[in-house]
Amino acid sequence: MTLKNTVAGPQNRRWLVLAMALAAASGARAQTEPVDLDTINRIRQEAFIRSQVPDTLKDLTERVGPRLTASPSATRANEWARGKLSEWGLANVHDEVFDASFGRGWAFSSASVEWIAPRMLPLHALPRAWTPGTAGAVEGEAELLVIKTQEDIDVNKTLAELEKHRGKLRGKILLLDEARVYKQATTPDFRRHDGAALGELQTFPIPDDSGPKDRIKRREDFLKRETLLAAVNKLLVEEGIVATLHISPWDNGILRVTGGGNRKAGEAVGVPSLVVGAERYNQLARALERKESVRLRVKVDGGFTSESNLPAANTVGEIPGTGAKAGELVIIGAHLDSWHTGTGASDNGAGVAVVMEAMRILKKLGLKPKRTIRVALWTGEEQGLLGSTGYVSEHFAAWPEPTDANEKKLSPALRENKGPLQRKDGYDKLAAYFNFDNGSGRIRGIYAQENAAVVPIFEAWLKPFNDVGASIVTTRNTSGTDHLSFDRIGLPGFQFVQDPTDYSTHVHHTDLDTWDHIVPEDLKQAAAIIATFAWQAANREQKLPRKPLDEP
């Protein structure tokens, strides 16, 4: 997950509607939102005194391990989740395939990079997902060949530069990034939101006119990267490159590693590719800049575990509703998949354990909600919210599938929606969706996602948890995770405001994303709040109000 606090694009009609809704909401505050304090007391007792959430998270991360989508470990994670939910007595526990041909399975068991001449030095390195392994240890002379793929990409110019090297690279191990100047940290590694930060979150920054331009640039950059990376992968194989090395985006020896190559069968996957700790990578790059001869040895035990594309699935389970509203839904969710180098504890094992614990609490207390409460554990989130998008498209609504080839390459979040929205029977039956995926930090409030009508409702629901630090409702949007799959089609989907902890300094997509960086008390607090929000939404007389949908 990549998290940013943002506001939506500057469509004038939306701001007018938001302003009118805020005015209406201020009057609605005088009306009391019913809060079931007796049940909340019981939820708090179960969550705080008899919690199972630390054990659940430890079991997931240390026994199942990392969970790359469609990998063997992802299959184990689905099986594990089904077993837990069934053990707790949830109904309708099953997996739902959202992509029957997601990509090939991939896994690794070990990796090493050694500087072997003119000196001996082991280098901390791990492979990028969906890149090949090596057939034992391989050696080669290192060469620095920088290929920029992140911003201001000129595909034709870059490919023309690479062509100048054709026929000169066979047997080389290439360093593809520039050295990076080390910068001392200016903020603490571990943070809680203080009063000033929470106060800032409760302001609404009115957007300027750069939104559409930024969106167009993100689309263009994505397509350029896809084109460039495919061409580079093909060239690397043709030229007989032994392996490629990249600098970790984070300093202090932390390896931040995601994907490379290509997960799809039949597509160019390139050569073995690893991320090296920044300080050691810099040392290598400086030696090459001085025109010194550098020889390396690389070994990666791993690679593709299947020859053909495999399906990817979400895991769901529920507590059935009772009475006239039983056909309506409240969903709580988190993403089960993770990257492969840590154990996916904060991103997003914590979310999985918390929403599962919320369901365990409700079931343990024998509560009978009016609406059905469903838990959804998504996969494919790290590849672009694919699991939640597929689920929403199947059950609720979807924008028409694009016909343009380039548009198809884009994640749904970057596509130009061409209406009208294709609504399913379930569209009017969803009362709310609540997501947990900002690391493992405790809940401090909730993003209303520019839906002013829910502000007084959420304030009332949070009041019983003011004493454990959860108090704010912000009208801001937040992006980067699965609530957007609901929000983009006009359904009420929300993500909680969480303490940052060390999510963006140590663990996000890194080899340090392990149980050791978890604060168990934060998970207990979060589980109690999410169980409460699910219960309140399931028993409210009306479904949560929906904001207007900008429909082409």
Protein backbone atom coordinates (compact mmCIF):
# COMPACT_ATOMS: atom_id res chain seq x y z
CA MET A 1 0.00 0.00 0.00
CA THR A 2 1.11 3.54 -0.76
CA LEU A 3 -0.69 6.13 1.30
CA LYS A 4 -1.18 9.81 0.53
CA ASN A 5 -3.57 12.30 2.08
CA THR A 6 -5.20 13.91 -0.92
CA VAL A 7 -8.26 15.72 -2.11
CA ALA A 8 -10.16 14.90 -5.27
CA GLY A 9 -9.94 16.67 -8.62
CA PRO A 10 -11.37 20.15 -8.93
CA GLN A 11 -14.77 19.57 -10.50
CA ASN A 12 -16.74 22.67 -9.53
CA ARG A 13 -20.01 20.81 -9.15
CA ARG A 14 -18.52 18.52 -6.53
CA TRP A 15 -17.28 21.43 -4.40
CA LEU A 16 -20.71 23.06 -4.54
CA VAL A 17 -22.34 19.81 -3.44
CA LEU A 18 -19.77 19.37 -0.67
CA ALA A 19 -20.36 22.87 0.65
CA MET A 20 -24.12 22.34 0.68
CA ALA A 21 -23.69 18.98 2.40
CA LEU A 22 -21.45 20.53 5.07
CA ALA A 23 -24.11 23.10 5.80
CA ALA A 24 -26.74 20.40 6.05
CA ALA A 25 -24.50 18.29 8.25
CA SER A 26 -24.04 21.11 10.73
CA GLY A 27 -27.79 21.14 11.24
CA ALA A 28 -27.89 17.37 11.46
CA ARG A 29 -25.52 17.44 14.44
CA ALA A 30 -28.45 18.56 16.54
CA GLN A 31 -30.07 15.22 15.81
CA THR A 32 -28.73 12.42 17.98
CA GLU A 33 -27.17 9.48 16.16
CA PRO A 34 -28.14 6.32 18.09
CA VAL A 35 -25.12 4.61 19.66
CA ASP A 36 -25.43 1.14 21.20
CA LEU A 37 -23.29 1.73 24.30
CA ASP A 38 -24.23 -1.57 25.95
CA THR A 39 -22.89 -3.56 23.00
CA ILE A 40 -19.86 -1.28 22.69
CA ASN A 41 -19.00 -1.99 26.33
CA ARG A 42 -19.10 -5.71 25.58
CA ILE A 43 -16.99 -5.23 22.44
CA ARG A 44 -14.38 -3.28 24.42
CA GLN A 45 -14.16 -5.99 27.07
CA GLU A 46 -13.65 -8.76 24.53
CA ALA A 47 -11.20 -6.69 22.48
CA PHE A 48 -9.10 -5.35 25.34
CA ILE A 49 -9.18 -8.21 27.87
CA ARG A 50 -9.53 -11.38 25.77
CA SER A 51 -7.91 -10.32 22.52
CA GLN A 52 -6.61 -12.88 20.05
CA VAL A 53 -5.35 -10.34 17.53
CA PRO A 54 -1.62 -10.52 18.46
CA ASP A 55 -1.65 -14.32 18.19
CA THR A 56 -3.54 -14.16 14.89
CA LEU A 57 -1.02 -11.76 13.38
CA LYS A 58 1.96 -13.70 14.68
CA ASP A 59 0.53 -16.91 13.25
CA LEU A 60 -0.04 -15.31 9.84
CA THR A 61 3.33 -13.63 9.55
CA GLU A 62 5.65 -16.14 11.20
CA ARG A 63 4.01 -19.42 10.22
CA VAL A 64 2.52 -18.53 6.81
CA GLY A 65 5.03 -15.77 6.02
CA PRO A 66 5.08 -13.28 3.13
CA ARG A 67 2.21 -13.55 0.65
CA LEU A 68 3.01 -12.45 -2.90
CA THR A 69 -0.17 -12.66 -4.98
CA ALA A 70 -0.62 -16.01 -6.79
CA SER A 71 2.52 -17.43 -5.15
CA PRO A 72 2.46 -20.71 -3.20
CA SER A 73 2.55 -18.69 0.03
CA ALA A 74 -0.53 -16.72 -1.08
CA THR A 75 -2.39 -20.01 -1.53
CA ARG A 76 -1.34 -21.03 2.00
CA ALA A 77 -2.59 -17.67 3.29
CA ASN A 78 -6.02 -18.15 1.70
CA GLU A 79 -6.21 -21.62 3.26
CA TRP A 80 -5.11 -20.25 6.64
CA ALA A 81 -7.71 -17.48 6.55
CA ARG A 82 -10.52 -19.86 5.60
CA GLY A 83 -9.52 -22.14 8.46
CA LYS A 84 -9.54 -19.35 11.05
CA LEU A 85 -12.85 -17.86 9.94
CA SER A 86 -14.49 -21.29 9.85
CA GLU A 87 -13.06 -22.15 13.28
CA TRP A 88 -14.70 -19.03 14.70
CA GLY A 89 -18.08 -20.04 13.27
CA LEU A 90 -18.48 -17.57 10.42
CA ALA A 91 -20.85 -18.49 7.63
CA ASN A 92 -20.29 -18.72 3.87
CA VAL A 93 -16.49 -18.85 4.19
CA HIS A 94 -14.93 -19.28 0.76
CA ASP A 95 -12.44 -17.97 -1.78
CA GLU A 96 -13.58 -15.91 -4.77
CA VAL A 97 -11.34 -15.81 -7.83
CA PHE A 98 -11.10 -12.27 -9.21
CA ASP A 99 -8.58 -13.02 -11.97
CA ALA A 100 -8.41 -16.51 -13.48
CA SER A 101 -5.12 -15.67 -15.20
CA PHE A 102 -3.33 -13.30 -12.81
CA GLY A 103 0.20 -14.47 -13.54
CA ARG A 104 2.82 -17.08 -12.81
CA GLY A 105 3.67 -18.12 -9.27
CA TRP A 106 7.01 -16.89 -7.93
CA ALA A 107 9.10 -17.53 -4.82
CA PHE A 108 12.69 -17.41 -3.58
CA SER A 109 14.54 -19.14 -0.75
CA SER A 110 17.91 -17.37 -0.67
CA ALA A 111 19.93 -14.68 -2.40
CA SER A 112 23.42 -13.24 -2.18
CA VAL A 113 25.64 -10.69 -3.88
CA GLU A 114 29.40 -10.68 -3.21
CA TRP A 115 32.11 -8.26 -4.27
CA ILE A 116 34.90 -10.71 -5.07
CA ALA A 117 37.62 -8.65 -6.79
CA PRO A 118 39.71 -6.68 -6.21
CA ARG A 119 38.40 -7.20 -2.66
CA MET A 120 36.00 -9.51 -0.85
CA LEU A 121 32.82 -8.00 0.59
CA PRO A 122 29.31 -9.44 1.06
CA LEU A 123 26.53 -7.04 -0.03
CA HIS A 124 23.07 -7.03 1.55
CA ALA A 125 20.68 -7.73 -1.36
CA LEU A 126 17.33 -9.37 -2.14
CA PRO A 127 15.67 -10.23 -5.48
CA ARG A 128 12.83 -8.34 -7.11
CA ALA A 129 9.62 -10.34 -7.54
CA TRP A 130 8.90 -11.99 -10.89
CA THR A 131 12.52 -11.96 -12.02
CA PRO A 132 14.47 -15.16 -12.79
CA GLY A 133 16.79 -16.92 -10.39
CA THR A 134 20.35 -17.94 -11.25
CA ALA A 135 21.45 -21.48 -12.02
CA GLY A 136 23.83 -21.57 -9.08
CA ALA A 137 26.37 -18.81 -8.47
CA VAL A 138 27.22 -16.61 -11.47
CA GLU A 139 30.03 -14.08 -11.84
CA GLY A 140 30.65 -11.06 -13.98
CA GLU A 141 32.37 -7.70 -14.28
CA ALA A 142 30.26 -4.84 -12.99
CA GLU A 143 29.32 -1.86 -15.13
CA LEU A 144 27.33 1.25 -14.32
CA LEU A 145 24.56 1.87 -16.88
CA VAL A 146 21.90 4.22 -15.53
CA ILE A 147 18.35 3.80 -16.87
CA LYS A 148 15.87 6.32 -15.52
CA THR A 149 12.34 4.95 -15.21
CA GLN A 150 10.67 7.05 -12.53
CA GLU A 151 10.07 10.57 -13.88
CA ASP A 152 10.61 12.72 -16.96
CA ILE A 153 10.98 9.56 -19.01
CA ASP A 154 11.96 9.91 -22.65
CA VAL A 155 11.50 6.37 -23.96
CA ASN A 156 12.97 6.91 -27.43
CA LYS A 157 16.00 8.77 -26.11
CA THR A 158 16.67 6.12 -23.46
CA LEU A 159 16.34 3.26 -25.93
CA ALA A 160 18.63 5.08 -28.37
CA GLU A 161 21.25 5.43 -25.62
CA LEU A 162 20.97 1.74 -24.80
CA GLU A 163 21.45 0.78 -28.44
CA LYS A 164 24.92 2.37 -28.30
CA HIS A 165 25.88 -0.36 -25.82
CA ARG A 166 24.58 -3.28 -27.88
CA GLY A 167 27.22 -5.97 -28.35
CA LYS A 168 29.37 -4.62 -25.49
CA LEU A 169 27.57 -5.93 -22.40
CA ARG A 170 27.66 -9.73 -22.60
CA GLY A 171 28.64 -11.34 -19.31
CA LYS A 172 28.27 -8.08 -17.35
CA ILE A 173 26.46 -7.39 -14.10
CA LEU A 174 24.84 -3.99 -14.55
CA LEU A 175 24.18 -1.33 -11.91
CA LEU A 176 21.14 0.48 -13.32
CA ASP A 177 20.79 3.36 -10.82
CA GLU A 178 22.93 6.34 -9.92
CA ALA A 179 24.58 6.58 -6.53
CA ARG A 180 22.51 8.61 -4.07
CA VAL A 181 23.71 11.13 -1.49
CA TYR A 182 22.98 9.98 2.06
CA LYS A 183 20.73 12.36 4.00
CA GLN A 184 20.42 12.43 7.77
CA ALA A 185 16.88 11.98 9.10
CA THR A 186 15.24 15.15 10.42
CA THR A 187 12.21 13.49 12.06
CA PRO A 188 11.87 10.62 14.55
CA ASP A 189 11.74 7.12 13.13
CA PHE A 190 8.61 6.29 15.17
CA ARG A 191 5.81 8.83 15.48
CA ARG A 192 2.36 9.23 16.93
CA HIS A 193 0.00 11.92 15.68
CA ASP A 194 0.13 14.84 18.10
CA GLY A 195 -2.53 17.51 18.54
CA ALA A 196 -1.08 19.68 15.78
CA ALA A 197 -1.06 16.83 13.27
CA LEU A 198 -4.63 15.81 14.11
CA GLY A 199 -5.72 19.43 13.90
CA GLU A 200 -4.15 19.77 10.46
CA LEU A 201 -5.96 16.65 9.27
CA GLN A 202 -9.28 18.24 10.19
CA THR A 203 -8.73 21.11 7.76
CA PHE A 204 -9.74 20.72 4.12
CA PRO A 205 -7.16 22.00 1.60
CA ILE A 206 -9.04 23.39 -1.38
CA PRO A 207 -7.33 22.00 -4.51
CA ASP A 208 -5.81 24.14 -7.21
CA ASP A 209 -6.14 23.50 -10.94
CA SER A 210 -3.21 21.08 -11.16
CA GLY A 211 -5.30 17.95 -10.51
CA PRO A 212 -6.19 17.07 -14.13
CA LYS A 213 -2.61 17.81 -15.29
CA ASP A 214 -1.15 15.61 -12.54
CA ARG A 215 -3.51 12.79 -13.45
CA ILE A 216 -2.59 12.99 -17.13
CA LYS A 217 1.12 12.95 -16.24
CA ARG A 218 0.70 9.90 -13.99
CA ARG A 219 -1.06 8.08 -16.82
CA GLU A 220 1.60 9.03 -19.34
CA ASP A 221 4.48 8.11 -17.02
CA PHE A 222 2.93 4.71 -16.27
CA LEU A 223 2.58 3.86 -19.96
CA LYS A 224 6.11 5.10 -20.69
CA ARG A 225 7.53 2.94 -17.89
CA GLU A 226 5.66 -0.12 -19.17
CA THR A 227 7.01 0.41 -22.69
CA LEU A 228 10.55 1.09 -21.51
CA LEU A 229 10.75 -1.79 -19.04
CA ALA A 230 9.51 -4.31 -21.63
CA ALA A 231 12.13 -3.10 -24.10
CA VAL A 232 14.89 -3.13 -21.46
CA ASN A 233 14.00 -6.66 -20.30
CA LYS A 234 14.18 -7.89 -23.89
CA LEU A 235 17.53 -6.18 -24.48
CA LEU A 236 19.07 -7.55 -21.27
CA VAL A 237 18.30 -11.11 -22.32
CA GLU A 238 19.49 -10.61 -25.91
CA GLU A 239 22.76 -9.09 -24.75
CA GLY A 240 23.52 -11.90 -22.30
CA ILE A 241 23.54 -9.78 -19.14
CA VAL A 242 24.29 -11.89 -16.05
CA ALA A 243 22.21 -9.84 -13.58
CA THR A 244 21.13 -6.30 -12.73
CA LEU A 245 21.40 -4.44 -9.43
CA HIS A 246 19.30 -1.55 -8.15
CA ILE A 247 19.82 0.79 -5.21
CA SER A 248 17.33 0.52 -2.35
CA PRO A 249 15.15 3.65 -2.23
CA TRP A 250 15.73 3.81 1.55
CA ASP A 251 18.97 4.35 3.46
CA ASN A 252 20.48 2.73 6.58
CA GLY A 253 20.73 -0.72 5.08
CA ILE A 254 16.96 -1.11 4.68
CA LEU A 255 15.96 -3.01 1.54
CA ARG A 256 12.77 -1.72 -0.03
CA VAL A 257 11.88 -4.27 -2.70
CA THR A 258 8.82 -4.76 -4.90
CA GLY A 259 8.53 -6.26 -8.38
CA GLY A 260 10.49 -6.39 -11.60
CA GLY A 261 10.42 -8.54 -14.69
CA ASN A 262 6.87 -9.55 -15.58
CA ARG A 263 4.42 -11.90 -13.90
CA LYS A 264 2.61 -12.86 -17.12
CA ALA A 265 3.55 -16.02 -18.99
CA GLY A 266 4.96 -15.26 -22.41
CA GLU A 267 6.13 -11.74 -21.52
CA ALA A 268 9.78 -10.64 -21.27
CA VAL A 269 10.97 -11.11 -17.68
CA GLY A 270 14.54 -9.91 -18.09
CA VAL A 271 17.46 -11.33 -16.10
CA PRO A 272 18.07 -11.94 -12.38
CA SER A 273 17.53 -8.59 -10.68
CA LEU A 274 18.23 -7.58 -7.09
CA VAL A 275 18.00 -4.56 -4.80
CA VAL A 276 21.17 -3.71 -2.84
CA GLY A 277 21.41 -1.67 0.37
CA ALA A 278 21.99 1.98 -0.53
CA GLU A 279 25.29 2.46 1.27
CA ARG A 280 26.92 -0.62 -0.27
CA TYR A 281 25.46 0.18 -3.71
CA ASN A 282 26.95 3.68 -3.46
CA GLN A 283 30.33 2.13 -2.66
CA LEU A 284 30.13 -0.04 -5.79
CA ALA A 285 28.99 2.85 -7.98
CA ARG A 286 31.80 5.11 -6.76
CA ALA A 287 34.39 2.46 -7.55
CA LEU A 288 33.01 2.17 -11.09
CA GLU A 289 32.94 5.95 -11.49
CA ARG A 290 36.66 5.90 -10.65
CA LYS A 291 37.08 3.41 -13.54
CA GLU A 292 38.11 0.63 -11.17
CA SER A 293 37.54 -2.98 -12.15
CA VAL A 294 34.84 -4.60 -10.02
CA ARG A 295 33.93 -8.28 -10.17
CA LEU A 296 30.76 -9.63 -8.50
CA ARG A 297 29.22 -13.00 -7.70
CA VAL A 298 25.42 -13.34 -7.63
CA LYS A 299 23.28 -16.26 -6.51
CA VAL A 300 19.46 -16.37 -6.37
CA ASP A 301 17.69 -19.57 -5.41
CA GLY A 302 14.21 -18.92 -6.69
CA GLY A 303 12.13 -17.89 -9.63
CA PHE A 304 8.85 -18.89 -11.24
CA THR A 305 6.96 -21.78 -9.67
CA SER A 306 4.58 -22.30 -12.60
CA GLU A 307 4.83 -22.17 -16.38
CA SER A 308 1.32 -20.85 -16.91
CA ASN A 309 -0.69 -18.03 -15.37
CA LEU A 310 -2.47 -18.88 -12.13
CA PRO A 311 -5.73 -17.57 -10.63
CA ALA A 312 -5.77 -15.08 -7.75
CA ALA A 313 -8.53 -15.06 -5.12
CA ASN A 314 -9.98 -13.12 -2.21
CA THR A 315 -11.18 -14.84 0.97
CA VAL A 316 -14.55 -13.87 2.47
CA GLY A 317 -16.79 -14.90 5.34
CA GLU A 318 -19.78 -13.40 7.11
CA ILE A 319 -22.16 -13.11 10.01
CA PRO A 320 -25.63 -13.32 8.40
CA GLY A 321 -28.11 -10.56 9.05
CA THR A 322 -31.53 -11.14 10.56
CA GLY A 323 -34.91 -9.80 9.55
CA ALA A 324 -35.89 -7.48 6.74
CA LYS A 325 -32.42 -5.98 6.25
CA ALA A 326 -30.55 -9.30 6.06
CA GLY A 327 -29.98 -8.89 2.32
CA GLU A 328 -28.07 -5.64 2.88
CA LEU A 329 -24.33 -5.63 3.54
CA VAL A 330 -21.66 -4.04 5.70
CA ILE A 331 -18.15 -5.08 4.66
CA ILE A 332 -14.89 -4.70 6.57
CA GLY A 333 -11.67 -5.50 4.76
CA ALA A 334 -7.89 -5.50 4.45
CA HIS A 335 -5.46 -6.94 1.95
CA LEU A 336 -3.96 -10.35 2.56
CA ASP A 337 -1.21 -10.13 -0.06
CA SER A 338 2.20 -8.63 0.65
CA TRP A 339 5.59 -8.26 -0.94
CA HIS A 340 8.09 -11.03 -0.43
CA THR A 341 11.09 -9.77 1.55
CA GLY A 342 9.64 -9.18 5.03
CA THR A 343 6.67 -11.06 6.45
CA GLY A 344 4.03 -8.47 5.55
CA ALA A 345 3.25 -7.72 9.20
CA SER A 346 2.41 -4.02 8.88
CA ASP A 347 1.46 -4.13 5.20
CA ASN A 348 -1.00 -5.58 5.63
CA GLY A 349 -1.00 -8.50 8.02
CA ALA A 350 -1.98 -6.05 10.74
CA GLY A 351 -5.11 -5.07 8.83
CA VAL A 352 -6.00 -8.70 8.17
CA ALA A 353 -5.60 -9.65 11.83
CA VAL A 354 -7.61 -6.61 12.98
CA VAL A 355 -10.64 -7.13 10.71
CA MET A 356 -10.61 -10.86 11.43
CA GLU A 357 -10.50 -10.07 15.16
CA ALA A 358 -13.45 -7.70 14.73
CA MET A 359 -15.45 -10.57 13.23
CA ARG A 360 -14.31 -12.96 15.98
CA ILE A 361 -15.48 -10.48 18.62
CA LEU A 362 -18.93 -10.02 17.07
CA LYS A 363 -19.35 -13.77 16.68
CA LYS A 364 -18.03 -14.56 20.17
CA LEU A 365 -20.50 -12.14 21.73
CA GLY A 366 -23.37 -13.86 19.92
CA LEU A 367 -24.55 -10.62 18.33
CA LYS A 368 -27.29 -10.75 15.70
CA PRO A 369 -26.91 -7.84 13.27
CA LYS A 370 -29.82 -6.66 11.15
CA ARG A 371 -27.63 -6.42 8.06
CA THR A 372 -25.12 -9.08 7.06
CA ILE A 373 -21.57 -8.23 8.15
CA ARG A 374 -18.96 -9.58 5.76
CA VAL A 375 -15.18 -9.66 6.04
CA ALA A 376 -13.16 -9.52 2.81
CA LEU A 377 -9.45 -10.29 2.64
CA TRP A 378 -8.20 -8.99 -0.68
CA THR A 379 -5.23 -10.08 -2.76
CA GLY A 380 -3.62 -8.23 -5.67
CA GLU A 381 -3.74 -4.96 -3.73
CA GLU A 382 -0.03 -4.38 -4.26
CA GLN A 383 -0.51 -4.71 -8.02
CA GLY A 384 -3.17 -1.99 -8.17
CA LEU A 385 -6.15 -2.82 -5.89
CA LEU A 386 -6.96 -5.71 -8.21
CA GLY A 387 -8.72 -8.00 -5.73
CA SER A 388 -11.11 -5.39 -4.38
CA THR A 389 -11.70 -3.92 -7.84
CA GLY A 390 -12.59 -7.36 -9.20
CA TYR A 391 -14.92 -8.06 -6.29
CA VAL A 392 -16.67 -4.70 -6.59
CA SER A 393 -17.06 -5.17 -10.35
CA GLU A 394 -18.59 -8.62 -9.84
CA HIS A 395 -21.02 -7.73 -7.04
CA PHE A 396 -21.79 -4.01 -7.19
CA ALA A 397 -20.84 -2.01 -10.29
CA ALA A 398 -18.12 -1.29 -12.83
CA TRP A 399 -17.27 1.29 -15.39
CA PRO A 400 -17.33 -0.10 -18.94
CA GLU A 401 -14.17 -2.01 -19.86
CA PRO A 402 -11.96 0.20 -22.06
CA THR A 403 -11.37 -0.77 -25.66
CA ASP A 404 -8.15 1.22 -26.11
CA ALA A 405 -5.08 -1.00 -25.68
CA ASN A 406 -3.14 1.57 -23.66
CA GLU A 407 -6.13 2.25 -21.43
CA LYS A 408 -6.34 -1.47 -20.65
CA LYS A 409 -2.76 -1.42 -19.36
CA LEU A 410 -3.63 1.18 -16.72
CA SER A 411 -4.82 0.33 -13.24
CA PRO A 412 -8.52 1.19 -12.73
CA ALA A 413 -7.52 4.19 -10.60
CA LEU A 414 -5.79 5.82 -13.60
CA ARG A 415 -8.34 4.99 -16.28
CA GLU A 416 -10.65 7.53 -17.83
CA ASN A 417 -14.09 6.31 -16.81
CA LYS A 418 -16.43 6.15 -19.78
CA GLY A 419 -20.00 5.93 -18.49
CA PRO A 420 -22.61 5.11 -17.78
CA LEU A 421 -21.73 3.09 -14.67
CA GLN A 422 -22.92 -0.50 -15.03
CA ARG A 423 -24.73 -1.19 -11.76
CA LYS A 424 -25.43 -4.70 -10.45
CA ASP A 425 -28.25 -5.84 -8.17
CA GLY A 426 -26.00 -5.47 -5.13
CA TYR A 427 -25.29 -1.79 -5.73
CA ASP A 428 -28.18 -0.54 -3.61
CA LYS A 429 -27.63 -3.17 -0.91
CA LEU A 430 -24.21 -2.05 0.37
CA ALA A 431 -24.54 0.02 3.53
CA ALA A 432 -20.81 0.70 4.04
CA TYR A 433 -17.26 -0.55 3.53
CA PHE A 434 -14.51 0.04 6.13
CA ASN A 435 -10.84 -0.61 5.34
CA PHE A 436 -7.72 -0.94 7.51
CA ASP A 437 -4.39 -0.53 5.69
CA ASN A 438 -2.11 2.25 6.95
CA GLY A 439 0.34 0.04 8.78
CA SER A 440 -0.20 -1.19 12.32
CA GLY A 441 -0.69 2.17 14.07
CA ARG A 442 -3.69 2.72 16.31
CA ILE A 443 -6.80 4.41 14.96
CA ARG A 444 -7.05 8.15 15.62
CA GLY A 445 -10.17 8.77 13.54
CA ILE A 446 -11.54 8.23 10.05
CA TYR A 447 -11.44 9.87 6.61
CA ALA A 448 -14.94 10.86 5.50
CA GLN A 449 -13.76 10.84 1.87
CA GLU A 450 -15.47 14.18 1.13
CA ASN A 451 -18.78 12.76 2.30
CA ALA A 452 -19.88 15.49 4.69
CA ALA A 453 -23.14 13.74 5.55
CA VAL A 454 -21.31 10.95 7.42
CA VAL A 455 -19.28 13.32 9.62
CA PRO A 456 -21.78 13.63 12.51
CA ILE A 457 -22.51 9.91 12.30
CA PHE A 458 -18.87 8.91 12.62
CA GLU A 459 -18.27 11.47 15.36
CA ALA A 460 -21.00 9.81 17.42
CA TRP A 461 -19.59 6.32 16.78
CA LEU A 462 -16.07 7.43 17.77
CA LYS A 463 -17.08 9.17 20.99
CA PRO A 464 -16.91 5.96 23.11
CA PHE A 465 -13.29 5.60 21.96
CA ASN A 466 -12.10 9.14 22.65
CA ASP A 467 -10.48 7.75 25.80
CA VAL A 468 -8.21 5.48 23.73
CA GLY A 469 -7.14 8.18 21.28
CA ALA A 470 -9.70 7.95 18.47
CA SER A 471 -11.54 11.23 18.06
CA ILE A 472 -11.31 12.94 14.66
CA VAL A 473 -13.41 12.79 11.50
CA THR A 474 -11.75 14.52 8.58
CA THR A 475 -13.53 15.40 5.34
CA ARG A 476 -10.31 14.72 3.43
CA ASN A 477 -9.79 11.92 0.97
CA THR A 478 -7.05 9.41 1.43
CA SER A 479 -5.77 7.24 -1.38
CA GLY A 480 -3.69 4.17 -2.07
CA THR A 481 -5.79 1.31 -0.76
CA ASP A 482 -8.90 -0.80 -1.23
CA HIS A 483 -11.63 1.60 -0.08
CA LEU A 484 -11.05 3.41 -3.39
CA SER A 485 -12.54 0.47 -5.30
CA PHE A 486 -15.85 1.29 -3.61
CA ASP A 487 -15.47 5.07 -3.57
CA ARG A 488 -14.79 5.39 -7.30
CA ILE A 489 -18.22 3.92 -8.15
CA GLY A 490 -20.10 6.04 -5.61
CA LEU A 491 -20.34 3.53 -2.76
CA PRO A 492 -19.51 4.63 0.81
CA GLY A 493 -15.98 3.28 1.34
CA PHE A 494 -13.74 4.54 4.13
CA GLN A 495 -10.21 4.19 5.54
CA PHE A 496 -9.23 4.99 9.13
CA VAL A 497 -6.74 7.63 10.26
CA GLN A 498 -3.87 5.79 11.96
CA ASP A 499 -0.71 6.74 13.83
CA PRO A 500 2.26 6.70 11.41
CA THR A 501 4.51 4.64 13.77
CA ASP A 502 7.57 3.64 11.69
CA TYR A 503 5.55 2.65 8.63
CA SER A 504 7.17 5.16 6.28
CA THR A 505 10.62 5.06 7.85
CA HIS A 506 11.33 1.36 8.33
CA VAL A 507 8.72 -1.15 7.21
CA HIS A 508 6.67 -0.19 4.14
CA HIS A 509 7.59 -2.75 1.43
CA THR A 510 10.88 -3.55 3.18
CA ASP A 511 12.69 -6.54 4.65
CA LEU A 512 11.97 -5.06 8.11
CA ASP A 513 8.22 -5.48 7.80
CA THR A 514 8.01 -8.10 10.54
CA TRP A 515 6.23 -8.78 13.83
CA ASP A 516 8.95 -6.93 15.77
CA HIS A 517 7.62 -3.56 14.53
CA ILE A 518 4.06 -4.19 15.76
CA VAL A 519 2.51 -2.62 18.88
CA PRO A 520 -0.10 -5.21 20.03
CA GLU A 521 -2.11 -2.67 22.06
CA ASP A 522 -2.68 -0.63 18.90
CA LEU A 523 -4.19 -3.66 17.17
CA LYS A 524 -6.54 -4.33 20.09
CA GLN A 525 -7.81 -0.74 19.98
CA ALA A 526 -8.30 -0.89 16.21
CA ALA A 527 -10.22 -4.18 16.38
CA ALA A 528 -12.62 -2.77 18.97
CA ILE A 529 -13.32 0.32 16.84
CA ILE A 530 -13.83 -1.61 13.59
CA ALA A 531 -16.12 -4.12 15.30
CA THR A 532 -18.13 -1.16 16.62
CA PHE A 533 -18.34 0.56 13.23
CA ALA A 534 -19.46 -2.69 11.60
CA TRP A 535 -22.10 -3.24 14.31
CA GLN A 536 -23.40 0.34 14.18
CA ALA A 537 -23.59 0.36 10.38
CA ALA A 538 -25.33 -3.03 10.34
CA ASN A 539 -28.05 -1.89 12.74
CA ARG A 540 -28.58 1.71 11.67
CA GLU A 541 -32.10 2.38 10.41
CA GLN A 542 -30.80 3.74 7.09
CA LYS A 543 -27.72 2.80 5.12
CA LEU A 544 -24.91 5.35 5.32
CA PRO A 545 -25.54 8.37 3.10
CA ARG A 546 -23.77 8.39 -0.27
CA LYS A 547 -22.07 11.37 -1.84
CA PRO A 548 -22.99 12.37 -5.43
CA LEU A 549 -21.22 10.39 -8.14
CA ASP A 550 -19.62 12.22 -11.07
CA GLU A 551 -20.91 10.00 -13.85
CA PRO A 552 -19.95 10.74 -17.46
